[in-house]
Amino acid sequence: MSPRRFPYVGALRGRPAPPSPARAGDVLAETESLRVRLGAREVLRGVDLAVRAGEVLALVGPNGAGKSTLLGALAADLPAAGGVVRIHGRPAAEWSAPELALRRAVLPQSAELSFPFPVADVVRMGRAPHAADPAVDDAVVAGAMAATEVGAFA
């Protein structure tokens, strides 16, 4: 995602400063008495959850149980009908889009891209809010791909 191929990356230079790294055990996202409605249907009611740095959290349940809705609310992509969602201790509604982009990333399980992007470019898209020197971005992308063992798909 070099500036030559993706000129919009340069427009992100006037962004907020990145947050300091989270420490193991820090609460990154949480809900308190969360309620979410989709149309007339209340999908989530009374959900209390804390997602901490360094922990693995699994959402397990049958289709239609609200797993994707909960993830959407935690990412601040779906509004709460009641209760609160906090990201790094602050209500999600108080974060600007650029600030949220520096604190969380979302890649749906099924994402249709309009163009056939190579895997490395899709990973690099996650760097947009952090875009730095191209050599730094290349190193971070390579490290992320190695850590997640997706190099074979590149």
N, C-alpha and C. Protein backbone atom coordinates (compact mmCIF):
# COMPACT_ATOMS: atom_id res chain seq x y z
N MET A 1 0.84 -1.17 0.00
CA MET A 1 0.00 0.00 0.00
C MET A 1 0.89 1.23 0.00
N SER A 2 1.71 1.32 -0.97
CA SER A 2 2.60 2.47 -1.05
C SER A 2 1.80 3.70 -1.45
N PRO A 3 2.31 4.90 -1.14
CA PRO A 3 1.61 6.12 -1.55
C PRO A 3 1.39 6.17 -3.06
N ARG A 4 2.25 5.51 -3.82
CA ARG A 4 2.06 5.51 -5.27
C ARG A 4 0.80 4.73 -5.64
N ARG A 5 0.59 3.59 -4.99
CA ARG A 5 -0.57 2.76 -5.32
C ARG A 5 -1.82 3.18 -4.56
N PHE A 6 -1.65 3.75 -3.37
CA PHE A 6 -2.77 4.11 -2.51
C PHE A 6 -2.59 5.55 -2.03
N PRO A 7 -2.87 6.54 -2.88
CA PRO A 7 -2.60 7.92 -2.52
C PRO A 7 -3.39 8.43 -1.33
N TYR A 8 -4.51 7.80 -0.97
CA TYR A 8 -5.31 8.27 0.16
C TYR A 8 -4.59 8.09 1.49
N VAL A 9 -3.60 7.21 1.56
CA VAL A 9 -2.89 6.98 2.81
C VAL A 9 -2.23 8.27 3.30
N GLY A 10 -1.72 9.07 2.40
CA GLY A 10 -1.10 10.33 2.79
C GLY A 10 -2.07 11.28 3.46
N ALA A 11 -3.35 11.17 3.16
CA ALA A 11 -4.35 12.05 3.76
C ALA A 11 -4.54 11.76 5.24
N LEU A 12 -4.04 10.63 5.70
CA LEU A 12 -4.20 10.26 7.11
C LEU A 12 -3.12 10.86 7.99
N ARG A 13 -2.20 11.59 7.44
CA ARG A 13 -1.08 12.12 8.21
C ARG A 13 -1.52 13.06 9.33
N GLY A 14 -2.64 13.78 9.19
CA GLY A 14 -3.10 14.71 10.22
C GLY A 14 -3.97 14.02 11.25
N ARG A 15 -3.63 12.85 11.62
CA ARG A 15 -4.45 12.03 12.52
C ARG A 15 -4.02 12.20 13.97
N PRO A 16 -4.86 11.71 14.89
CA PRO A 16 -4.48 11.77 16.31
C PRO A 16 -3.28 10.88 16.60
N ALA A 17 -2.61 11.17 17.69
CA ALA A 17 -1.45 10.37 18.09
C ALA A 17 -1.91 8.96 18.47
N PRO A 18 -1.12 7.96 18.14
CA PRO A 18 -1.50 6.59 18.50
C PRO A 18 -1.46 6.40 20.01
N PRO A 19 -2.31 5.50 20.51
CA PRO A 19 -2.32 5.23 21.95
C PRO A 19 -1.07 4.45 22.35
N SER A 20 -0.74 4.51 23.62
CA SER A 20 0.37 3.69 24.10
C SER A 20 -0.08 2.24 24.12
N PRO A 21 0.85 1.31 24.01
CA PRO A 21 0.48 -0.11 23.98
C PRO A 21 -0.24 -0.54 25.26
N ALA A 22 -1.20 -1.44 25.09
CA ALA A 22 -1.92 -1.98 26.24
C ALA A 22 -1.04 -2.97 26.98
N ARG A 23 -1.24 -3.05 28.27
CA ARG A 23 -0.54 -4.05 29.10
C ARG A 23 -1.48 -5.23 29.32
N ALA A 24 -0.92 -6.40 29.51
CA ALA A 24 -1.73 -7.59 29.78
C ALA A 24 -2.67 -7.31 30.94
N GLY A 25 -3.93 -7.63 30.72
CA GLY A 25 -4.95 -7.43 31.76
C GLY A 25 -5.71 -6.13 31.64
N ASP A 26 -5.20 -5.16 30.85
CA ASP A 26 -5.93 -3.91 30.64
C ASP A 26 -7.27 -4.21 29.98
N VAL A 27 -8.33 -3.53 30.41
CA VAL A 27 -9.63 -3.68 29.76
C VAL A 27 -9.62 -2.84 28.49
N LEU A 28 -9.77 -3.51 27.35
CA LEU A 28 -9.74 -2.83 26.06
C LEU A 28 -11.13 -2.44 25.60
N ALA A 29 -12.09 -3.29 25.85
CA ALA A 29 -13.48 -3.04 25.47
C ALA A 29 -14.36 -3.68 26.52
N GLU A 30 -15.48 -3.02 26.80
CA GLU A 30 -16.40 -3.58 27.80
C GLU A 30 -17.81 -3.12 27.52
N THR A 31 -18.74 -3.91 28.00
CA THR A 31 -20.15 -3.54 27.93
C THR A 31 -20.73 -3.62 29.32
N GLU A 32 -21.72 -2.79 29.56
CA GLU A 32 -22.42 -2.79 30.84
C GLU A 32 -23.91 -2.65 30.54
N SER A 33 -24.67 -3.68 30.91
CA SER A 33 -26.12 -3.70 30.69
C SER A 33 -26.47 -3.39 29.23
N LEU A 34 -25.67 -3.90 28.31
CA LEU A 34 -25.84 -3.59 26.88
C LEU A 34 -27.14 -4.17 26.34
N ARG A 35 -27.84 -3.33 25.59
CA ARG A 35 -29.02 -3.75 24.83
C ARG A 35 -28.82 -3.28 23.40
N VAL A 36 -29.09 -4.16 22.45
CA VAL A 36 -29.00 -3.81 21.03
C VAL A 36 -30.26 -4.29 20.34
N ARG A 37 -30.85 -3.40 19.56
CA ARG A 37 -32.03 -3.73 18.77
C ARG A 37 -31.65 -3.71 17.30
N LEU A 38 -32.15 -4.66 16.56
CA LEU A 38 -32.04 -4.66 15.11
C LEU A 38 -33.46 -4.61 14.59
N GLY A 39 -33.86 -3.45 14.11
CA GLY A 39 -35.26 -3.25 13.74
C GLY A 39 -36.11 -3.29 14.99
N ALA A 40 -37.17 -4.07 14.97
CA ALA A 40 -38.07 -4.17 16.12
C ALA A 40 -37.61 -5.25 17.11
N ARG A 41 -36.59 -6.01 16.74
CA ARG A 41 -36.17 -7.15 17.56
C ARG A 41 -35.02 -6.77 18.49
N GLU A 42 -35.19 -7.06 19.78
CA GLU A 42 -34.10 -6.87 20.73
C GLU A 42 -33.22 -8.11 20.66
N VAL A 43 -32.01 -7.92 20.16
CA VAL A 43 -31.09 -9.05 19.94
C VAL A 43 -30.24 -9.31 21.17
N LEU A 44 -29.81 -8.24 21.85
CA LEU A 44 -29.01 -8.38 23.07
C LEU A 44 -29.70 -7.62 24.19
N ARG A 45 -29.67 -8.22 25.38
CA ARG A 45 -30.29 -7.57 26.54
C ARG A 45 -29.47 -7.89 27.78
N GLY A 46 -29.02 -6.85 28.47
CA GLY A 46 -28.33 -7.02 29.74
C GLY A 46 -26.97 -7.67 29.66
N VAL A 47 -26.21 -7.39 28.61
CA VAL A 47 -24.90 -8.03 28.43
C VAL A 47 -23.82 -7.23 29.16
N ASP A 48 -23.11 -7.90 30.05
CA ASP A 48 -21.95 -7.34 30.75
C ASP A 48 -20.73 -8.15 30.32
N LEU A 49 -19.72 -7.48 29.82
CA LEU A 49 -18.55 -8.18 29.29
C LEU A 49 -17.34 -7.28 29.39
N ALA A 50 -16.19 -7.86 29.68
CA ALA A 50 -14.92 -7.13 29.65
C ALA A 50 -13.94 -7.93 28.80
N VAL A 51 -13.33 -7.28 27.84
CA VAL A 51 -12.33 -7.89 26.97
C VAL A 51 -10.98 -7.31 27.38
N ARG A 52 -10.07 -8.18 27.82
CA ARG A 52 -8.79 -7.73 28.37
C ARG A 52 -7.63 -8.08 27.44
N ALA A 53 -6.64 -7.22 27.43
CA ALA A 53 -5.43 -7.46 26.63
C ALA A 53 -4.75 -8.73 27.11
N GLY A 54 -4.31 -9.54 26.17
CA GLY A 54 -3.58 -10.76 26.50
C GLY A 54 -4.45 -11.96 26.76
N GLU A 55 -5.75 -11.79 26.75
CA GLU A 55 -6.66 -12.91 27.00
C GLU A 55 -7.29 -13.34 25.68
N VAL A 56 -7.70 -14.60 25.65
CA VAL A 56 -8.43 -15.12 24.50
C VAL A 56 -9.89 -15.24 24.92
N LEU A 57 -10.76 -14.71 24.11
CA LEU A 57 -12.19 -14.75 24.39
C LEU A 57 -12.89 -15.44 23.23
N ALA A 58 -13.71 -16.41 23.52
CA ALA A 58 -14.47 -17.11 22.48
C ALA A 58 -15.95 -16.82 22.67
N LEU A 59 -16.61 -16.43 21.59
CA LEU A 59 -18.06 -16.25 21.59
C LEU A 59 -18.64 -17.47 20.91
N VAL A 60 -19.38 -18.25 21.66
CA VAL A 60 -19.91 -19.51 21.16
C VAL A 60 -21.41 -19.51 21.35
N GLY A 61 -22.14 -19.94 20.34
CA GLY A 61 -23.58 -20.03 20.46
C GLY A 61 -24.19 -20.38 19.12
N PRO A 62 -25.47 -20.72 19.13
CA PRO A 62 -26.14 -21.09 17.89
C PRO A 62 -26.33 -19.88 16.97
N ASN A 63 -26.62 -20.16 15.71
CA ASN A 63 -26.92 -19.09 14.77
C ASN A 63 -28.07 -18.26 15.32
N GLY A 64 -27.94 -16.95 15.19
CA GLY A 64 -29.00 -16.06 15.65
C GLY A 64 -28.95 -15.71 17.11
N ALA A 65 -27.92 -16.17 17.82
CA ALA A 65 -27.83 -15.91 19.26
C ALA A 65 -27.35 -14.49 19.57
N GLY A 66 -26.76 -13.80 18.59
CA GLY A 66 -26.30 -12.43 18.81
C GLY A 66 -24.80 -12.26 18.86
N LYS A 67 -24.04 -13.29 18.47
CA LYS A 67 -22.57 -13.19 18.53
C LYS A 67 -22.05 -12.06 17.64
N SER A 68 -22.48 -12.03 16.40
CA SER A 68 -22.03 -10.99 15.47
C SER A 68 -22.53 -9.61 15.90
N THR A 69 -23.72 -9.57 16.45
CA THR A 69 -24.27 -8.30 16.95
C THR A 69 -23.42 -7.78 18.10
N LEU A 70 -23.01 -8.67 18.99
CA LEU A 70 -22.15 -8.27 20.11
C LEU A 70 -20.81 -7.74 19.60
N LEU A 71 -20.22 -8.43 18.63
CA LEU A 71 -18.96 -7.95 18.07
C LEU A 71 -19.14 -6.59 17.40
N GLY A 72 -20.25 -6.41 16.70
CA GLY A 72 -20.53 -5.12 16.07
C GLY A 72 -20.68 -4.01 17.08
N ALA A 73 -21.32 -4.30 18.20
CA ALA A 73 -21.48 -3.29 19.26
C ALA A 73 -20.14 -3.00 19.93
N LEU A 74 -19.34 -4.04 20.17
CA LEU A 74 -18.02 -3.84 20.79
C LEU A 74 -17.10 -3.01 19.89
N ALA A 75 -17.26 -3.15 18.59
CA ALA A 75 -16.43 -2.39 17.64
C ALA A 75 -16.98 -0.99 17.40
N ALA A 76 -18.10 -0.67 18.03
CA ALA A 76 -18.77 0.63 17.87
C ALA A 76 -19.33 0.78 16.46
N ASP A 77 -19.64 -0.34 15.82
CA ASP A 77 -20.26 -0.30 14.50
C ASP A 77 -21.78 -0.37 14.58
N LEU A 78 -22.30 -0.86 15.71
CA LEU A 78 -23.75 -0.91 15.94
C LEU A 78 -24.06 -0.10 17.18
N PRO A 79 -25.10 0.72 17.15
CA PRO A 79 -25.43 1.54 18.32
C PRO A 79 -26.11 0.71 19.41
N ALA A 80 -25.87 1.10 20.64
CA ALA A 80 -26.53 0.47 21.78
C ALA A 80 -27.91 1.11 21.96
N ALA A 81 -28.93 0.28 22.18
CA ALA A 81 -30.26 0.79 22.48
C ALA A 81 -30.35 1.11 23.97
N GLY A 82 -29.43 0.57 24.73
CA GLY A 82 -29.37 0.82 26.17
C GLY A 82 -28.05 0.31 26.70
N GLY A 83 -27.71 0.73 27.89
CA GLY A 83 -26.43 0.35 28.47
C GLY A 83 -25.31 1.13 27.81
N VAL A 84 -24.10 0.63 27.97
CA VAL A 84 -22.95 1.36 27.45
C VAL A 84 -21.89 0.40 26.92
N VAL A 85 -21.20 0.85 25.89
CA VAL A 85 -20.01 0.17 25.36
C VAL A 85 -18.86 1.14 25.59
N ARG A 86 -17.80 0.66 26.22
CA ARG A 86 -16.61 1.48 26.43
C ARG A 86 -15.42 0.86 25.70
N ILE A 87 -14.63 1.71 25.12
CA ILE A 87 -13.39 1.30 24.49
C ILE A 87 -12.28 2.06 25.20
N HIS A 88 -11.37 1.32 25.79
CA HIS A 88 -10.30 1.92 26.60
C HIS A 88 -10.88 2.83 27.68
N GLY A 89 -11.98 2.40 28.28
CA GLY A 89 -12.57 3.12 29.41
C GLY A 89 -13.46 4.30 29.05
N ARG A 90 -13.56 4.61 27.78
CA ARG A 90 -14.35 5.77 27.35
C ARG A 90 -15.54 5.30 26.53
N PRO A 91 -16.73 5.88 26.74
CA PRO A 91 -17.89 5.46 25.93
C PRO A 91 -17.57 5.50 24.44
N ALA A 92 -17.97 4.46 23.74
CA ALA A 92 -17.65 4.33 22.31
C ALA A 92 -18.14 5.52 21.51
N ALA A 93 -19.29 6.07 21.88
CA ALA A 93 -19.86 7.19 21.12
C ALA A 93 -19.00 8.45 21.20
N GLU A 94 -18.09 8.51 22.16
CA GLU A 94 -17.25 9.70 22.33
C GLU A 94 -15.98 9.67 21.48
N TRP A 95 -15.68 8.54 20.85
CA TRP A 95 -14.48 8.43 20.02
C TRP A 95 -14.79 8.89 18.60
N SER A 96 -13.87 9.59 17.98
CA SER A 96 -14.01 9.92 16.56
C SER A 96 -13.59 8.69 15.75
N ALA A 97 -13.96 8.67 14.48
CA ALA A 97 -13.58 7.54 13.63
C ALA A 97 -12.06 7.37 13.56
N PRO A 98 -11.27 8.44 13.39
CA PRO A 98 -9.81 8.25 13.37
C PRO A 98 -9.27 7.71 14.69
N GLU A 99 -9.83 8.15 15.82
CA GLU A 99 -9.38 7.63 17.12
C GLU A 99 -9.72 6.15 17.26
N LEU A 100 -10.92 5.77 16.83
CA LEU A 100 -11.31 4.35 16.89
C LEU A 100 -10.40 3.51 16.01
N ALA A 101 -10.06 4.02 14.84
CA ALA A 101 -9.22 3.27 13.90
C ALA A 101 -7.86 2.95 14.49
N LEU A 102 -7.39 3.77 15.42
CA LEU A 102 -6.10 3.51 16.07
C LEU A 102 -6.21 2.51 17.21
N ARG A 103 -7.42 2.17 17.61
CA ARG A 103 -7.62 1.33 18.78
C ARG A 103 -8.24 -0.02 18.49
N ARG A 104 -8.83 -0.19 17.35
CA ARG A 104 -9.43 -1.46 17.02
C ARG A 104 -9.48 -1.63 15.51
N ALA A 105 -9.48 -2.88 15.08
CA ALA A 105 -9.61 -3.19 13.66
C ALA A 105 -10.62 -4.31 13.53
N VAL A 106 -11.38 -4.28 12.48
CA VAL A 106 -12.42 -5.28 12.28
C VAL A 106 -12.28 -5.82 10.86
N LEU A 107 -12.19 -7.13 10.75
CA LEU A 107 -12.20 -7.79 9.45
C LEU A 107 -13.23 -8.89 9.55
N PRO A 108 -14.38 -8.72 8.90
CA PRO A 108 -15.43 -9.73 9.01
C PRO A 108 -14.96 -11.09 8.49
N GLN A 109 -15.62 -12.13 8.97
CA GLN A 109 -15.29 -13.48 8.53
C GLN A 109 -15.48 -13.60 7.03
N SER A 110 -16.54 -13.03 6.52
CA SER A 110 -16.81 -13.03 5.09
C SER A 110 -16.78 -11.59 4.60
N ALA A 111 -15.71 -11.23 3.94
CA ALA A 111 -15.58 -9.87 3.42
C ALA A 111 -15.36 -9.97 1.92
N GLU A 112 -16.21 -9.33 1.17
CA GLU A 112 -16.05 -9.33 -0.27
C GLU A 112 -15.36 -8.04 -0.67
N LEU A 113 -14.18 -8.17 -1.24
CA LEU A 113 -13.45 -7.01 -1.72
C LEU A 113 -13.79 -6.82 -3.19
N SER A 114 -13.95 -5.57 -3.59
CA SER A 114 -14.36 -5.27 -4.96
C SER A 114 -13.26 -5.57 -5.98
N PHE A 115 -12.03 -5.63 -5.51
CA PHE A 115 -10.91 -5.87 -6.40
C PHE A 115 -10.07 -7.01 -5.82
N PRO A 116 -9.34 -7.73 -6.66
CA PRO A 116 -8.54 -8.87 -6.18
C PRO A 116 -7.23 -8.40 -5.53
N PHE A 117 -7.30 -7.97 -4.28
CA PHE A 117 -6.10 -7.51 -3.57
C PHE A 117 -5.25 -8.70 -3.13
N PRO A 118 -3.94 -8.61 -3.25
CA PRO A 118 -3.06 -9.63 -2.67
C PRO A 118 -3.19 -9.59 -1.14
N VAL A 119 -2.92 -10.71 -0.50
CA VAL A 119 -3.04 -10.82 0.95
C VAL A 119 -2.22 -9.73 1.65
N ALA A 120 -1.02 -9.50 1.19
CA ALA A 120 -0.17 -8.49 1.84
C ALA A 120 -0.83 -7.11 1.81
N ASP A 121 -1.53 -6.78 0.72
CA ASP A 121 -2.20 -5.48 0.64
C ASP A 121 -3.39 -5.41 1.60
N VAL A 122 -4.10 -6.52 1.78
CA VAL A 122 -5.22 -6.53 2.74
C VAL A 122 -4.67 -6.32 4.15
N VAL A 123 -3.58 -6.99 4.48
CA VAL A 123 -2.95 -6.80 5.79
C VAL A 123 -2.48 -5.36 5.93
N ARG A 124 -1.89 -4.81 4.88
CA ARG A 124 -1.39 -3.44 4.90
C ARG A 124 -2.52 -2.43 5.10
N MET A 125 -3.72 -2.74 4.67
CA MET A 125 -4.85 -1.83 4.88
C MET A 125 -5.08 -1.58 6.37
N GLY A 126 -4.77 -2.57 7.18
CA GLY A 126 -4.88 -2.39 8.63
C GLY A 126 -3.86 -1.41 9.18
N ARG A 127 -2.86 -1.09 8.40
CA ARG A 127 -1.83 -0.12 8.81
C ARG A 127 -2.24 1.31 8.50
N ALA A 128 -3.29 1.53 7.74
CA ALA A 128 -3.65 2.88 7.30
C ALA A 128 -3.67 3.90 8.43
N PRO A 129 -4.30 3.62 9.58
CA PRO A 129 -4.30 4.64 10.63
C PRO A 129 -2.92 4.86 11.25
N HIS A 130 -2.03 3.90 11.07
CA HIS A 130 -0.70 3.97 11.68
C HIS A 130 0.38 4.30 10.66
N ALA A 131 -0.01 4.47 9.40
CA ALA A 131 0.94 4.58 8.29
C ALA A 131 2.16 5.41 8.67
N ALA A 132 3.30 4.82 8.44
CA ALA A 132 4.57 5.46 8.78
C ALA A 132 5.46 5.41 7.55
N ASP A 133 6.73 5.38 7.79
CA ASP A 133 7.70 5.22 6.72
C ASP A 133 7.40 3.89 6.03
N PRO A 134 7.41 3.85 4.69
CA PRO A 134 7.09 2.60 4.00
C PRO A 134 7.92 1.40 4.46
N ALA A 135 9.18 1.61 4.81
CA ALA A 135 10.01 0.49 5.29
C ALA A 135 9.50 -0.02 6.63
N VAL A 136 9.05 0.89 7.50
CA VAL A 136 8.49 0.48 8.79
C VAL A 136 7.20 -0.30 8.56
N ASP A 137 6.33 0.23 7.69
CA ASP A 137 5.08 -0.47 7.39
C ASP A 137 5.35 -1.85 6.81
N ASP A 138 6.32 -1.95 5.90
CA ASP A 138 6.67 -3.25 5.32
C ASP A 138 7.08 -4.24 6.40
N ALA A 139 7.89 -3.79 7.35
CA ALA A 139 8.35 -4.67 8.42
C ALA A 139 7.19 -5.10 9.32
N VAL A 140 6.30 -4.18 9.64
CA VAL A 140 5.16 -4.51 10.50
C VAL A 140 4.23 -5.50 9.78
N VAL A 141 3.98 -5.27 8.50
CA VAL A 141 3.12 -6.17 7.73
C VAL A 141 3.75 -7.56 7.66
N ALA A 142 5.04 -7.63 7.37
CA ALA A 142 5.73 -8.92 7.31
C ALA A 142 5.66 -9.64 8.65
N GLY A 143 5.84 -8.90 9.74
CA GLY A 143 5.76 -9.50 11.07
C GLY A 143 4.37 -10.01 11.38
N ALA A 144 3.34 -9.24 11.02
CA ALA A 144 1.96 -9.66 11.26
C ALA A 144 1.62 -10.90 10.45
N MET A 145 2.08 -10.93 9.20
CA MET A 145 1.81 -12.10 8.36
C MET A 145 2.53 -13.34 8.89
N ALA A 146 3.74 -13.17 9.38
CA ALA A 146 4.48 -14.31 9.95
C ALA A 146 3.80 -14.79 11.23
N ALA A 147 3.39 -13.85 12.08
CA ALA A 147 2.77 -14.22 13.36
C ALA A 147 1.45 -14.96 13.16
N THR A 148 0.74 -14.63 12.09
CA THR A 148 -0.56 -15.28 11.84
C THR A 148 -0.46 -16.39 10.80
N GLU A 149 0.76 -16.66 10.34
CA GLU A 149 1.03 -17.76 9.41
C GLU A 149 0.18 -17.69 8.14
N VAL A 150 0.08 -16.49 7.55
CA VAL A 150 -0.68 -16.34 6.31
C VAL A 150 0.22 -16.12 5.10
N GLY A 151 1.53 -16.24 5.29
CA GLY A 151 2.47 -16.04 4.20
C GLY A 151 2.21 -16.94 3.01
N ALA A 152 1.72 -18.14 3.24
CA ALA A 152 1.46 -19.08 2.15
C ALA A 152 0.34 -18.58 1.23
N PHE A 153 -0.49 -17.67 1.71
CA PHE A 153 -1.58 -17.14 0.90
C PHE A 153 -1.16 -15.92 0.09
N ALA A 154 0.05 -15.43 0.35
CA ALA A 154 0.50 -14.20 -0.32
C ALA A 154 0.90 -14.48 -1.76
